[in-house]
Amino acid sequence: VQLVESGGGLVQAGGSLRLSCAASGSIFSINAMGWYRQAPGKQRELVAAITSGGSTDYADSVKGRFTISRDNGKNTVYLAMNSLKPEDTAVYYCNVEGRGTSLILFKYWGQGTQVTVSS
């Protein structure tokens, strides 16, 4: 299974970005999909997650500003980020859990994409 992230970049405070993460390979089904971030000197933290049924969960720090969504037909998860703040600066990683065509459970991380918010 391969995960390819895109959409990071440099944006001014108050701006918006949209991250994408596409999963491909020997996939039977995908359960949870999520976005994590890691700022320099800090631990990786959950930003948002979405289940196969569409239930979502957000970190308190991004509620009302970020929206996670998924396209099951494309095995892709998105993160729309609005009203960005300098403290949102981090490397963002997608995470996908599911079953391969062998029906063995898997959990993979994307390569990470840098988001930098200038003040």
C-alpha atoms as a PDB file:
ATOM      1  CA  VAL A   1       0.000   0.000   0.000  1.00  0.00           C
ATOM      2  CA  GLN A   2       1.330   3.429  -0.923  1.00  0.00           C
ATOM      3  CA  LEU A   3       0.182   6.798   0.368  1.00  0.00           C
ATOM      4  CA  VAL A   4       0.880   9.962  -1.595  1.00  0.00           C
ATOM      5  CA  GLU A   5       0.300  13.299   0.070  1.00  0.00           C
ATOM      6  CA  SER A   6       0.010  16.672  -1.602  1.00  0.00           C
ATOM      7  CA  GLY A   7      -1.139  20.200  -0.929  1.00  0.00           C
ATOM      8  CA  GLY A   8       1.245  21.576   1.661  1.00  0.00           C
ATOM      9  CA  GLY A   9       3.015  24.887   1.308  1.00  0.00           C
ATOM     10  CA  LEU A  10       3.573  28.375   2.654  1.00  0.00           C
ATOM     11  CA  VAL A  11       0.596  30.571   3.457  1.00  0.00           C
ATOM     12  CA  GLN A  12      -0.019  33.741   5.417  1.00  0.00           C
ATOM     13  CA  ALA A  13      -1.980  33.691   8.636  1.00  0.00           C
ATOM     14  CA  GLY A  14      -5.686  33.633   7.911  1.00  0.00           C
ATOM     15  CA  GLY A  15      -5.176  31.791   4.662  1.00  0.00           C
ATOM     16  CA  SER A  16      -6.275  28.350   3.536  1.00  0.00           C
ATOM     17  CA  LEU A  17      -4.739  25.126   2.281  1.00  0.00           C
ATOM     18  CA  ARG A  18      -6.142  21.768   1.271  1.00  0.00           C
ATOM     19  CA  LEU A  19      -4.195  18.579   1.824  1.00  0.00           C
ATOM     20  CA  SER A  20      -4.840  15.339  -0.041  1.00  0.00           C
ATOM     21  CA  CYS A  21      -3.687  11.798   0.625  1.00  0.00           C
ATOM     22  CA  ALA A  22      -4.338   9.054  -1.901  1.00  0.00           C
ATOM     23  CA  ALA A  23      -3.925   5.391  -1.030  1.00  0.00           C
ATOM     24  CA  SER A  24      -3.173   2.802  -3.679  1.00  0.00           C
ATOM     25  CA  GLY A  25      -2.056  -0.805  -3.933  1.00  0.00           C
ATOM     26  CA  SER A  26      -3.472  -4.086  -2.715  1.00  0.00           C
ATOM     27  CA  ILE A  27      -6.382  -2.641  -0.754  1.00  0.00           C
ATOM     28  CA  PHE A  28      -9.499  -4.607   0.159  1.00  0.00           C
ATOM     29  CA  SER A  29     -11.058  -1.992   2.392  1.00  0.00           C
ATOM     30  CA  ILE A  30     -10.126   1.167   4.275  1.00  0.00           C
ATOM     31  CA  ASN A  31     -11.433   1.849   7.736  1.00  0.00           C
ATOM     32  CA  ALA A  32     -10.148   4.930   9.513  1.00  0.00           C
ATOM     33  CA  MET A  33      -8.260   7.711   7.784  1.00  0.00           C
ATOM     34  CA  GLY A  34      -6.658  10.590   9.586  1.00  0.00           C
ATOM     35  CA  TRP A  35      -4.256  13.481   9.643  1.00  0.00           C
ATOM     36  CA  TYR A  36      -1.543  14.025  12.222  1.00  0.00           C
ATOM     37  CA  ARG A  37       1.023  16.780  12.542  1.00  0.00           C
ATOM     38  CA  GLN A  38       4.395  17.207  14.148  1.00  0.00           C
ATOM     39  CA  ALA A  39       5.966  20.555  14.864  1.00  0.00           C
ATOM     40  CA  PRO A  40       9.700  20.897  15.613  1.00  0.00           C
ATOM     41  CA  GLY A  41      10.483  19.704  19.107  1.00  0.00           C
ATOM     42  CA  LYS A  42       6.973  18.419  19.684  1.00  0.00           C
ATOM     43  CA  GLN A  43       5.286  15.038  19.590  1.00  0.00           C
ATOM     44  CA  ARG A  44       3.130  13.965  16.701  1.00  0.00           C
ATOM     45  CA  GLU A  45      -0.502  14.761  17.434  1.00  0.00           C
ATOM     46  CA  LEU A  46      -3.848  13.845  15.935  1.00  0.00           C
ATOM     47  CA  VAL A  47      -5.417  16.664  13.939  1.00  0.00           C
ATOM     48  CA  ALA A  48      -8.516  14.978  12.525  1.00  0.00           C
ATOM     49  CA  ALA A  49      -9.843  11.518  11.766  1.00  0.00           C
ATOM     50  CA  ILE A  50     -12.735  10.061   9.808  1.00  0.00           C
ATOM     51  CA  THR A  51     -14.228   6.588   9.887  1.00  0.00           C
ATOM     52  CA  SER A  52     -15.524   4.576   6.971  1.00  0.00           C
ATOM     53  CA  GLY A  53     -19.012   5.656   7.990  1.00  0.00           C
ATOM     54  CA  GLY A  54     -18.099   9.315   7.906  1.00  0.00           C
ATOM     55  CA  SER A  55     -17.861  10.024  11.633  1.00  0.00           C
ATOM     56  CA  THR A  56     -15.247  12.655  12.357  1.00  0.00           C
ATOM     57  CA  ASP A  57     -13.082  13.706  15.270  1.00  0.00           C
ATOM     58  CA  TYR A  58     -10.969  16.839  15.611  1.00  0.00           C
ATOM     59  CA  ALA A  59      -8.328  18.200  17.913  1.00  0.00           C
ATOM     60  CA  ASP A  60      -9.744  21.064  19.957  1.00  0.00           C
ATOM     61  CA  SER A  61      -7.194  23.439  18.461  1.00  0.00           C
ATOM     62  CA  VAL A  62      -8.579  23.012  14.923  1.00  0.00           C
ATOM     63  CA  LYS A  63     -12.306  22.632  15.525  1.00  0.00           C
ATOM     64  CA  GLY A  64     -14.282  25.067  13.410  1.00  0.00           C
ATOM     65  CA  ARG A  65     -11.297  25.762  11.146  1.00  0.00           C
ATOM     66  CA  PHE A  66     -10.337  22.395   9.640  1.00  0.00           C
ATOM     67  CA  THR A  67     -12.588  19.905   7.858  1.00  0.00           C
ATOM     68  CA  ILE A  68     -11.688  16.309   7.103  1.00  0.00           C
ATOM     69  CA  SER A  69     -13.432  14.413   4.314  1.00  0.00           C
ATOM     70  CA  ARG A  70     -12.876  11.310   2.232  1.00  0.00           C
ATOM     71  CA  ASP A  71     -13.694   9.938  -1.200  1.00  0.00           C
ATOM     72  CA  ASN A  72     -14.076   6.201  -0.757  1.00  0.00           C
ATOM     73  CA  GLY A  73     -14.124   5.582  -4.493  1.00  0.00           C
ATOM     74  CA  LYS A  74     -10.689   7.181  -4.799  1.00  0.00           C
ATOM     75  CA  ASN A  75      -9.308   5.934  -1.456  1.00  0.00           C
ATOM     76  CA  THR A  76      -8.446   9.541  -0.734  1.00  0.00           C
ATOM     77  CA  VAL A  77      -8.683  11.649   2.395  1.00  0.00           C
ATOM     78  CA  TYR A  78      -8.663  15.443   2.413  1.00  0.00           C
ATOM     79  CA  LEU A  79      -8.020  18.097   5.011  1.00  0.00           C
ATOM     80  CA  ALA A  80      -9.370  21.567   4.299  1.00  0.00           C
ATOM     81  CA  MET A  81      -7.607  24.071   6.521  1.00  0.00           C
ATOM     82  CA  ASN A  82      -9.027  27.563   6.913  1.00  0.00           C
ATOM     83  CA  SER A  83      -8.123  30.510   9.116  1.00  0.00           C
ATOM     84  CA  LEU A  84      -4.630  29.137   9.453  1.00  0.00           C
ATOM     85  CA  LYS A  85      -2.480  30.312  12.349  1.00  0.00           C
ATOM     86  CA  PRO A  86       1.301  30.309  12.775  1.00  0.00           C
ATOM     87  CA  GLU A  87       0.891  27.601  15.413  1.00  0.00           C
ATOM     88  CA  ASP A  88      -0.503  25.302  12.710  1.00  0.00           C
ATOM     89  CA  THR A  89       2.982  25.166  11.206  1.00  0.00           C
ATOM     90  CA  ALA A  90       4.120  21.540  11.149  1.00  0.00           C
ATOM     91  CA  VAL A  91       4.710  18.528   8.979  1.00  0.00           C
ATOM     92  CA  TYR A  92       1.350  16.918   8.315  1.00  0.00           C
ATOM     93  CA  TYR A  93       1.094  13.147   7.924  1.00  0.00           C
ATOM     94  CA  CYS A  94      -1.852  11.117   6.740  1.00  0.00           C
ATOM     95  CA  ASN A  95      -2.594   7.763   8.307  1.00  0.00           C
ATOM     96  CA  VAL A  96      -4.701   5.017   6.789  1.00  0.00           C
ATOM     97  CA  GLU A  97      -5.938   1.812   8.421  1.00  0.00           C
ATOM     98  CA  GLY A  98      -7.595  -1.004   6.553  1.00  0.00           C
ATOM     99  CA  ARG A  99      -7.294  -4.501   5.133  1.00  0.00           C
ATOM    100  CA  GLY A 100      -5.203  -5.633   2.211  1.00  0.00           C
ATOM    101  CA  THR A 101      -6.386  -8.047  -0.423  1.00  0.00           C
ATOM    102  CA  SER A 102      -4.966 -10.782   1.808  1.00  0.00           C
ATOM    103  CA  LEU A 103      -7.423  -9.506   4.450  1.00  0.00           C
ATOM    104  CA  ILE A 104      -4.508  -8.735   6.742  1.00  0.00           C
ATOM    105  CA  LEU A 105      -4.911  -5.491   8.659  1.00  0.00           C
ATOM    106  CA  PHE A 106      -2.571  -2.653   7.765  1.00  0.00           C
ATOM    107  CA  LYS A 107      -1.735   0.806   9.033  1.00  0.00           C
ATOM    108  CA  TYR A 108       0.399   3.100   6.936  1.00  0.00           C
ATOM    109  CA  TRP A 109       1.752   6.638   7.161  1.00  0.00           C
ATOM    110  CA  GLY A 110       2.209   9.120   4.365  1.00  0.00           C
ATOM    111  CA  GLN A 111       5.572  10.709   3.688  1.00  0.00           C
ATOM    112  CA  GLY A 112       4.557  14.002   5.265  1.00  0.00           C
ATOM    113  CA  THR A 113       3.932  17.418   3.772  1.00  0.00           C
ATOM    114  CA  GLN A 114       5.172  20.694   5.208  1.00  0.00           C
ATOM    115  CA  VAL A 115       2.666  23.385   6.123  1.00  0.00           C
ATOM    116  CA  THR A 116       4.140  26.743   7.070  1.00  0.00           C
ATOM    117  CA  VAL A 117       1.978  29.635   8.211  1.00  0.00           C
ATOM    118  CA  SER A 118       3.643  33.039   8.361  1.00  0.00           C
ATOM    119  CA  SER A 119       2.469  35.775  10.690  1.00  0.00           C
END
